[in-house]
PDB file of all heavy atoms in Angstrom:
ATOM      1  N   ILE A   1      -0.397 -13.345  46.188  1.00  0.00           N
ATOM      2  CA  ILE A   1      -1.300 -12.217  46.204  1.00  0.00           C
ATOM      3  C   ILE A   1      -2.508 -12.661  47.071  1.00  0.00           C
ATOM      4  O   ILE A   1      -3.212 -13.650  46.705  1.00  0.00           O
ATOM      5  CB  ILE A   1      -1.720 -11.757  44.810  1.00  0.00           C
ATOM      6  CG1 ILE A   1      -0.532 -11.154  44.091  1.00  0.00           C
ATOM      7  CG2 ILE A   1      -2.871 -10.768  44.901  1.00  0.00           C
ATOM      8  CD1 ILE A   1      -0.862 -10.517  42.786  1.00  0.00           C
ATOM      9  N   ASN A   2      -2.718 -12.016  48.160  1.00  0.00           N
ATOM     10  CA  ASN A   2      -3.751 -12.396  49.128  1.00  0.00           C
ATOM     11  C   ASN A   2      -5.131 -11.865  48.685  1.00  0.00           C
ATOM     12  O   ASN A   2      -5.260 -10.899  47.968  1.00  0.00           O
ATOM     13  CB  ASN A   2      -3.449 -11.838  50.526  1.00  0.00           C
ATOM     14  CG  ASN A   2      -2.103 -12.323  51.003  1.00  0.00           C
ATOM     15  OD1 ASN A   2      -1.684 -13.436  50.719  1.00  0.00           O
ATOM     16  ND2 ASN A   2      -1.441 -11.506  51.848  1.00  0.00           N
ATOM     17  N   HIS A   3      -6.135 -12.540  49.254  1.00  0.00           N
ATOM     18  CA  HIS A   3      -7.483 -12.002  49.059  1.00  0.00           C
ATOM     19  C   HIS A   3      -8.138 -11.660  50.411  1.00  0.00           C
ATOM     20  O   HIS A   3      -9.240 -11.084  50.455  1.00  0.00           O
ATOM     21  CB  HIS A   3      -8.374 -13.065  48.309  1.00  0.00           C
ATOM     22  CG  HIS A   3      -7.943 -13.268  46.926  1.00  0.00           C
ATOM     23  ND1 HIS A   3      -8.242 -12.353  45.930  1.00  0.00           N
ATOM     24  CD2 HIS A   3      -7.245 -14.249  46.321  1.00  0.00           C
ATOM     25  CE1 HIS A   3      -7.737 -12.773  44.766  1.00  0.00           C
ATOM     26  NE2 HIS A   3      -7.143 -13.925  45.002  1.00  0.00           N
ATOM     27  N   ASP A   4      -7.445 -11.966  51.496  1.00  0.00           N
ATOM     28  CA  ASP A   4      -7.882 -11.615  52.833  1.00  0.00           C
ATOM     29  C   ASP A   4      -6.858 -10.646  53.453  1.00  0.00           C
ATOM     30  O   ASP A   4      -5.659 -10.769  53.236  1.00  0.00           O
ATOM     31  CB  ASP A   4      -8.031 -12.869  53.712  1.00  0.00           C
ATOM     32  CG  ASP A   4      -9.105 -13.794  53.166  1.00  0.00           C
ATOM     33  OD1 ASP A   4     -10.189 -13.287  52.770  1.00  0.00           O
ATOM     34  OD2 ASP A   4      -8.873 -15.016  53.111  1.00  0.00           O
ATOM     35  N   THR A   5      -7.358  -9.736  54.253  1.00  0.00           N
ATOM     36  CA  THR A   5      -6.446  -8.771  54.857  1.00  0.00           C
ATOM     37  C   THR A   5      -6.801  -8.573  56.347  1.00  0.00           C
ATOM     38  O   THR A   5      -7.824  -9.040  56.808  1.00  0.00           O
ATOM     39  CB  THR A   5      -6.589  -7.372  54.197  1.00  0.00           C
ATOM     40  OG1 THR A   5      -7.949  -6.947  54.314  1.00  0.00           O
ATOM     41  CG2 THR A   5      -6.206  -7.439  52.754  1.00  0.00           C
ATOM     42  N   PHE A   6      -5.921  -7.861  57.040  1.00  0.00           N
ATOM     43  CA  PHE A   6      -6.217  -7.404  58.381  1.00  0.00           C
ATOM     44  C   PHE A   6      -7.081  -6.148  58.281  1.00  0.00           C
ATOM     45  O   PHE A   6      -7.261  -5.586  57.196  1.00  0.00           O
ATOM     46  CB  PHE A   6      -4.948  -7.095  59.150  1.00  0.00           C
ATOM     47  CG  PHE A   6      -4.089  -8.357  59.420  1.00  0.00           C
ATOM     48  CD1 PHE A   6      -3.040  -8.662  58.605  1.00  0.00           C
ATOM     49  CD2 PHE A   6      -4.400  -9.163  60.496  1.00  0.00           C
ATOM     50  CE1 PHE A   6      -2.296  -9.809  58.830  1.00  0.00           C
ATOM     51  CE2 PHE A   6      -3.632 -10.304  60.758  1.00  0.00           C
ATOM     52  CZ  PHE A   6      -2.601 -10.608  59.924  1.00  0.00           C
ATOM     53  N   GLU A   7      -7.582  -5.705  59.411  1.00  0.00           N
ATOM     54  CA  GLU A   7      -8.449  -4.512  59.409  1.00  0.00           C
ATOM     55  C   GLU A   7      -7.610  -3.243  59.340  1.00  0.00           C
ATOM     56  O   GLU A   7      -8.075  -2.218  58.823  1.00  0.00           O
ATOM     57  CB  GLU A   7      -9.330  -4.470  60.651  1.00  0.00           C
ATOM     58  CG  GLU A   7     -10.398  -5.537  60.629  1.00  0.00           C
ATOM     59  CD  GLU A   7     -11.318  -5.438  61.858  1.00  0.00           C
ATOM     60  OE1 GLU A   7     -11.169  -4.492  62.626  1.00  0.00           O
ATOM     61  OE2 GLU A   7     -12.201  -6.267  61.987  1.00  0.00           O
ATOM     62  N   ASN A   8      -6.371  -3.276  59.902  1.00  0.00           N
ATOM     63  CA  ASN A   8      -5.603  -2.045  59.968  1.00  0.00           C
ATOM     64  C   ASN A   8      -4.141  -2.284  59.526  1.00  0.00           C
ATOM     65  O   ASN A   8      -3.566  -3.309  59.821  1.00  0.00           O
ATOM     66  CB  ASN A   8      -5.612  -1.506  61.446  1.00  0.00           C
ATOM     67  CG  ASN A   8      -7.015  -1.180  61.913  1.00  0.00           C
ATOM     68  OD1 ASN A   8      -7.626  -0.286  61.361  1.00  0.00           O
ATOM     69  ND2 ASN A   8      -7.513  -1.920  62.886  1.00  0.00           N
ATOM     70  N   TYR A   9      -3.624  -1.281  58.885  1.00  0.00           N
ATOM     71  CA  TYR A   9      -2.220  -1.234  58.446  1.00  0.00           C
ATOM     72  C   TYR A   9      -1.617   0.140  58.792  1.00  0.00           C
ATOM     73  O   TYR A   9      -2.332   1.125  58.807  1.00  0.00           O
ATOM     74  CB  TYR A   9      -2.109  -1.508  56.965  1.00  0.00           C
ATOM     75  CG  TYR A   9      -2.501  -2.932  56.550  1.00  0.00           C
ATOM     76  CD1 TYR A   9      -3.845  -3.247  56.287  1.00  0.00           C
ATOM     77  CD2 TYR A   9      -1.558  -3.931  56.447  1.00  0.00           C
ATOM     78  CE1 TYR A   9      -4.202  -4.527  55.971  1.00  0.00           C
ATOM     79  CE2 TYR A   9      -1.893  -5.230  56.070  1.00  0.00           C
ATOM     80  CZ  TYR A   9      -3.233  -5.501  55.848  1.00  0.00           C
ATOM     81  OH  TYR A   9      -3.587  -6.814  55.504  1.00  0.00           O
ATOM     82  N   ASP A  10      -0.290   0.168  58.976  1.00  0.00           N
ATOM     83  CA  ASP A  10       0.385   1.462  59.209  1.00  0.00           C
ATOM     84  C   ASP A  10       0.493   2.270  57.923  1.00  0.00           C
ATOM     85  O   ASP A  10       0.522   3.494  57.954  1.00  0.00           O
ATOM     86  CB  ASP A  10       1.798   1.201  59.750  1.00  0.00           C
ATOM     87  CG  ASP A  10       1.781   0.380  61.037  1.00  0.00           C
ATOM     88  OD1 ASP A  10       0.900   0.580  61.849  1.00  0.00           O
ATOM     89  OD2 ASP A  10       2.703  -0.466  61.170  1.00  0.00           O
ATOM     90  N   LEU A  11       0.573   1.547  56.816  1.00  0.00           N
ATOM     91  CA  LEU A  11       0.813   2.169  55.521  1.00  0.00           C
ATOM     92  C   LEU A  11       0.139   1.397  54.419  1.00  0.00           C
ATOM     93  O   LEU A  11       0.251   0.166  54.375  1.00  0.00           O
ATOM     94  CB  LEU A  11       2.334   2.213  55.250  1.00  0.00           C
ATOM     95  CG  LEU A  11       2.806   2.716  53.870  1.00  0.00           C
ATOM     96  CD1 LEU A  11       2.406   4.197  53.640  1.00  0.00           C
ATOM     97  CD2 LEU A  11       4.273   2.502  53.721  1.00  0.00           C
ATOM     98  N   ALA A  12      -0.557   2.071  53.537  1.00  0.00           N
ATOM     99  CA  ALA A  12      -1.103   1.469  52.321  1.00  0.00           C
ATOM    100  C   ALA A  12      -0.405   2.050  51.089  1.00  0.00           C
ATOM    101  O   ALA A  12      -0.348   3.255  50.975  1.00  0.00           O
ATOM    102  CB  ALA A  12      -2.648   1.696  52.259  1.00  0.00           C
ATOM    103  N   ILE A  13       0.078   1.190  50.238  1.00  0.00           N
ATOM    104  CA  ILE A  13       0.710   1.621  49.015  1.00  0.00           C
ATOM    105  C   ILE A  13      -0.145   1.112  47.850  1.00  0.00           C
ATOM    106  O   ILE A  13      -0.352  -0.102  47.692  1.00  0.00           O
ATOM    107  CB  ILE A  13       2.140   1.061  48.861  1.00  0.00           C
ATOM    108  CG1 ILE A  13       2.993   1.410  50.088  1.00  0.00           C
ATOM    109  CG2 ILE A  13       2.778   1.588  47.598  1.00  0.00           C
ATOM    110  CD1 ILE A  13       4.371   0.817  50.093  1.00  0.00           C
ATOM    111  N   VAL A  14      -0.684   2.057  47.085  1.00  0.00           N
ATOM    112  CA  VAL A  14      -1.557   1.718  45.970  1.00  0.00           C
ATOM    113  C   VAL A  14      -0.815   1.867  44.659  1.00  0.00           C
ATOM    114  O   VAL A  14      -0.243   2.942  44.370  1.00  0.00           O
ATOM    115  CB  VAL A  14      -2.818   2.587  45.960  1.00  0.00           C
ATOM    116  CG1 VAL A  14      -3.752   2.175  44.834  1.00  0.00           C
ATOM    117  CG2 VAL A  14      -3.538   2.478  47.305  1.00  0.00           C
ATOM    118  N   LEU A  15      -0.753   0.815  43.862  1.00  0.00           N
ATOM    119  CA  LEU A  15       0.045   0.830  42.627  1.00  0.00           C
ATOM    120  C   LEU A  15      -0.823   0.666  41.374  1.00  0.00           C
ATOM    121  O   LEU A  15      -1.765  -0.134  41.369  1.00  0.00           O
ATOM    122  CB  LEU A  15       1.036  -0.359  42.684  1.00  0.00           C
ATOM    123  CG  LEU A  15       2.031  -0.355  43.839  1.00  0.00           C
ATOM    124  CD1 LEU A  15       2.894  -1.631  43.745  1.00  0.00           C
ATOM    125  CD2 LEU A  15       2.926   0.878  43.810  1.00  0.00           C
ATOM    126  N   ASP A  16      -0.499   1.430  40.363  1.00  0.00           N
ATOM    127  CA  ASP A  16      -1.066   1.285  39.005  1.00  0.00           C
ATOM    128  C   ASP A  16      -2.566   1.551  38.978  1.00  0.00           C
ATOM    129  O   ASP A  16      -3.283   0.972  38.172  1.00  0.00           O
ATOM    130  CB  ASP A  16      -0.774  -0.134  38.503  1.00  0.00           C
ATOM    131  CG  ASP A  16      -0.795  -0.238  36.974  1.00  0.00           C
ATOM    132  OD1 ASP A  16      -0.335   0.692  36.322  1.00  0.00           O
ATOM    133  OD2 ASP A  16      -1.238  -1.300  36.451  1.00  0.00           O
ATOM    134  N   CYS A  17      -3.059   2.395  39.874  1.00  0.00           N
ATOM    135  CA  CYS A  17      -4.507   2.725  39.941  1.00  0.00           C
ATOM    136  C   CYS A  17      -4.728   4.195  39.792  1.00  0.00           C
ATOM    137  O   CYS A  17      -4.228   4.990  40.593  1.00  0.00           O
ATOM    138  CB  CYS A  17      -5.108   2.283  41.288  1.00  0.00           C
ATOM    139  SG  CYS A  17      -5.132   0.499  41.553  1.00  0.00           S
ATOM    140  N   PRO A  18      -5.501   4.638  38.781  1.00  0.00           N
ATOM    141  CA  PRO A  18      -5.807   6.077  38.656  1.00  0.00           C
ATOM    142  C   PRO A  18      -6.708   6.641  39.720  1.00  0.00           C
ATOM    143  O   PRO A  18      -6.714   7.824  39.978  1.00  0.00           O
ATOM    144  CB  PRO A  18      -6.440   6.195  37.267  1.00  0.00           C
ATOM    145  CG  PRO A  18      -6.994   4.825  37.006  1.00  0.00           C
ATOM    146  CD  PRO A  18      -6.100   3.866  37.708  1.00  0.00           C
ATOM    147  N   ASN A  19      -7.471   5.742  40.381  1.00  0.00           N
ATOM    148  CA  ASN A  19      -8.339   6.172  41.462  1.00  0.00           C
ATOM    149  C   ASN A  19      -8.541   5.019  42.432  1.00  0.00           C
ATOM    150  O   ASN A  19      -8.251   3.862  42.146  1.00  0.00           O
ATOM    151  CB  ASN A  19      -9.688   6.720  40.928  1.00  0.00           C
ATOM    152  CG  ASN A  19     -10.343   5.720  40.026  1.00  0.00           C
ATOM    153  OD1 ASN A  19     -10.655   4.585  40.399  1.00  0.00           O
ATOM    154  ND2 ASN A  19     -10.579   6.114  38.782  1.00  0.00           N
ATOM    155  N   LEU A  20      -9.046   5.342  43.639  1.00  0.00           N
ATOM    156  CA  LEU A  20      -9.243   4.318  44.637  1.00  0.00           C
ATOM    157  C   LEU A  20     -10.320   3.288  44.269  1.00  0.00           C
ATOM    158  O   LEU A  20     -10.247   2.124  44.731  1.00  0.00           O
ATOM    159  CB  LEU A  20      -9.567   4.959  45.986  1.00  0.00           C
ATOM    160  CG  LEU A  20      -8.385   5.392  46.857  1.00  0.00           C
ATOM    161  CD1 LEU A  20      -8.887   6.032  48.145  1.00  0.00           C
ATOM    162  CD2 LEU A  20      -7.515   4.182  47.190  1.00  0.00           C
ATOM    163  N   ALA A  21     -11.274   3.690  43.457  1.00  0.00           N
ATOM    164  CA  ALA A  21     -12.357   2.756  43.100  1.00  0.00           C
ATOM    165  C   ALA A  21     -11.776   1.532  42.377  1.00  0.00           C
ATOM    166  O   ALA A  21     -12.358   0.427  42.467  1.00  0.00           O
ATOM    167  CB  ALA A  21     -13.379   3.462  42.222  1.00  0.00           C
ATOM    168  N   ARG A  22     -10.632   1.680  41.691  1.00  0.00           N
ATOM    169  CA  ARG A  22     -10.041   0.612  40.950  1.00  0.00           C
ATOM    170  C   ARG A  22      -9.465  -0.450  41.876  1.00  0.00           C
ATOM    171  O   ARG A  22      -9.020  -1.537  41.421  1.00  0.00           O
ATOM    172  CB  ARG A  22      -8.951   1.137  40.002  1.00  0.00           C
ATOM    173  CG  ARG A  22      -9.460   1.903  38.825  1.00  0.00           C
ATOM    174  CD  ARG A  22     -10.052   1.009  37.771  1.00  0.00           C
ATOM    175  NE  ARG A  22      -8.974   0.453  36.911  1.00  0.00           N
ATOM    176  CZ  ARG A  22      -8.902  -0.836  36.595  1.00  0.00           C
ATOM    177  NH1 ARG A  22      -9.760  -1.718  37.083  1.00  0.00           N
ATOM    178  NH2 ARG A  22      -7.910  -1.278  35.857  1.00  0.00           N
ATOM    179  N   THR A  23      -9.377  -0.204  43.160  1.00  0.00           N
ATOM    180  CA  THR A  23      -8.887  -1.232  44.080  1.00  0.00           C
ATOM    181  C   THR A  23      -9.981  -2.154  44.565  1.00  0.00           C
ATOM    182  O   THR A  23      -9.745  -3.117  45.284  1.00  0.00           O
ATOM    183  CB  THR A  23      -8.208  -0.562  45.333  1.00  0.00           C
ATOM    184  OG1 THR A  23      -9.211   0.174  46.036  1.00  0.00           O
ATOM    185  CG2 THR A  23      -7.068   0.293  44.920  1.00  0.00           C
ATOM    186  N   GLY A  24     -11.209  -1.922  44.136  1.00  0.00           N
ATOM    187  CA  GLY A  24     -12.308  -2.803  44.446  1.00  0.00           C
ATOM    188  C   GLY A  24     -12.596  -2.888  45.952  1.00  0.00           C
ATOM    189  O   GLY A  24     -12.748  -1.879  46.601  1.00  0.00           O
ATOM    190  N   LYS A  25     -12.645  -4.111  46.422  1.00  0.00           N
ATOM    191  CA  LYS A  25     -13.099  -4.362  47.824  1.00  0.00           C
ATOM    192  C   LYS A  25     -12.080  -3.869  48.861  1.00  0.00           C
ATOM    193  O   LYS A  25     -12.430  -3.839  50.073  1.00  0.00           O
ATOM    194  CB  LYS A  25     -13.374  -5.856  48.060  1.00  0.00           C
ATOM    195  CG  LYS A  25     -12.148  -6.744  47.978  1.00  0.00           C
ATOM    196  CD  LYS A  25     -12.529  -8.190  48.209  1.00  0.00           C
ATOM    197  CE  LYS A  25     -11.316  -9.129  48.241  1.00  0.00           C
ATOM    198  NZ  LYS A  25     -11.721 -10.537  48.430  1.00  0.00           N
ATOM    199  N   TYR A  26     -10.914  -3.469  48.455  1.00  0.00           N
ATOM    200  CA  TYR A  26      -9.911  -3.015  49.405  1.00  0.00           C
ATOM    201  C   TYR A  26      -9.950  -1.502  49.670  1.00  0.00           C
ATOM    202  O   TYR A  26      -9.165  -0.976  50.429  1.00  0.00           O
ATOM    203  CB  TYR A  26      -8.493  -3.427  48.942  1.00  0.00           C
ATOM    204  CG  TYR A  26      -8.364  -4.898  48.797  1.00  0.00           C
ATOM    205  CD1 TYR A  26      -8.259  -5.502  47.560  1.00  0.00           C
ATOM    206  CD2 TYR A  26      -8.328  -5.713  49.949  1.00  0.00           C
ATOM    207  CE1 TYR A  26      -8.206  -6.902  47.446  1.00  0.00           C
ATOM    208  CE2 TYR A  26      -8.210  -7.085  49.857  1.00  0.00           C
ATOM    209  CZ  TYR A  26      -8.151  -7.679  48.597  1.00  0.00           C
ATOM    210  OH  TYR A  26      -8.053  -9.017  48.498  1.00  0.00           O
ATOM    211  N   GLN A  27     -10.868  -0.792  49.017  1.00  0.00           N
ATOM    212  CA  GLN A  27     -10.904   0.667  49.112  1.00  0.00           C
ATOM    213  C   GLN A  27     -11.062   1.147  50.553  1.00  0.00           C
ATOM    214  O   GLN A  27     -10.347   2.057  50.978  1.00  0.00           O
ATOM    215  CB  GLN A  27     -12.032   1.211  48.231  1.00  0.00           C
ATOM    216  CG  GLN A  27     -12.080   2.729  48.222  1.00  0.00           C
ATOM    217  CD  GLN A  27     -13.096   3.245  47.233  1.00  0.00           C
ATOM    218  OE1 GLN A  27     -13.632   2.540  46.384  1.00  0.00           O
ATOM    219  NE2 GLN A  27     -13.370   4.533  47.293  1.00  0.00           N
ATOM    220  N   GLU A  28     -11.946   0.542  51.294  1.00  0.00           N
ATOM    221  CA  GLU A  28     -12.203   1.008  52.639  1.00  0.00           C
ATOM    222  C   GLU A  28     -10.988   0.769  53.537  1.00  0.00           C
ATOM    223  O   GLU A  28     -10.633   1.600  54.361  1.00  0.00           O
ATOM    224  CB  GLU A  28     -13.459   0.306  53.234  1.00  0.00           C
ATOM    225  CG  GLU A  28     -13.834   0.838  54.600  1.00  0.00           C
ATOM    226  CD  GLU A  28     -15.117   0.220  55.140  1.00  0.00           C
ATOM    227  OE1 GLU A  28     -15.810  -0.477  54.351  1.00  0.00           O
ATOM    228  OE2 GLU A  28     -15.429   0.403  56.348  1.00  0.00           O
ATOM    229  N   ILE A  29     -10.371  -0.375  53.438  1.00  0.00           N
ATOM    230  CA  ILE A  29      -9.173  -0.704  54.208  1.00  0.00           C
ATOM    231  C   ILE A  29      -8.048   0.321  53.940  1.00  0.00           C
ATOM    232  O   ILE A  29      -7.365   0.795  54.821  1.00  0.00           O
ATOM    233  CB  ILE A  29      -8.663  -2.116  53.947  1.00  0.00           C
ATOM    234  CG1 ILE A  29      -9.743  -3.138  54.348  1.00  0.00           C
ATOM    235  CG2 ILE A  29      -7.363  -2.426  54.619  1.00  0.00           C
ATOM    236  CD1 ILE A  29      -9.465  -4.541  53.945  1.00  0.00           C
ATOM    237  N   ILE A  30      -7.907   0.672  52.659  1.00  0.00           N
ATOM    238  CA  ILE A  30      -6.869   1.650  52.269  1.00  0.00           C
ATOM    239  C   ILE A  30      -7.202   2.998  52.904  1.00  0.00           C
ATOM    240  O   ILE A  30      -6.306   3.650  53.487  1.00  0.00           O
ATOM    241  CB  ILE A  30      -6.825   1.766  50.730  1.00  0.00           C
ATOM    242  CG1 ILE A  30      -6.313   0.471  50.100  1.00  0.00           C
ATOM    243  CG2 ILE A  30      -5.922   2.951  50.327  1.00  0.00           C
ATOM    244  CD1 ILE A  30      -6.544   0.392  48.594  1.00  0.00           C
ATOM    245  N   GLN A  31      -8.454   3.400  52.841  1.00  0.00           N
ATOM    246  CA  GLN A  31      -8.821   4.712  53.392  1.00  0.00           C
ATOM    247  C   GLN A  31      -8.657   4.801  54.869  1.00  0.00           C
ATOM    248  O   GLN A  31      -8.507   5.894  55.430  1.00  0.00           O
ATOM    249  CB  GLN A  31     -10.300   5.034  52.963  1.00  0.00           C
ATOM    250  CG  GLN A  31     -10.439   5.313  51.478  1.00  0.00           C
ATOM    251  CD  GLN A  31     -11.869   5.466  51.046  1.00  0.00           C
ATOM    252  OE1 GLN A  31     -12.752   4.696  51.480  1.00  0.00           O
ATOM    253  NE2 GLN A  31     -12.159   6.439  50.208  1.00  0.00           N
TER     254      GLN A  31
END
């Protein structure tokens, strides 16, 4: 499980989260 990411992805899959805020620091990258 990484803690660093790239700036852009073709697809973001969010699992087990009722809202985007629960993804913490990854929210902007997902959006």
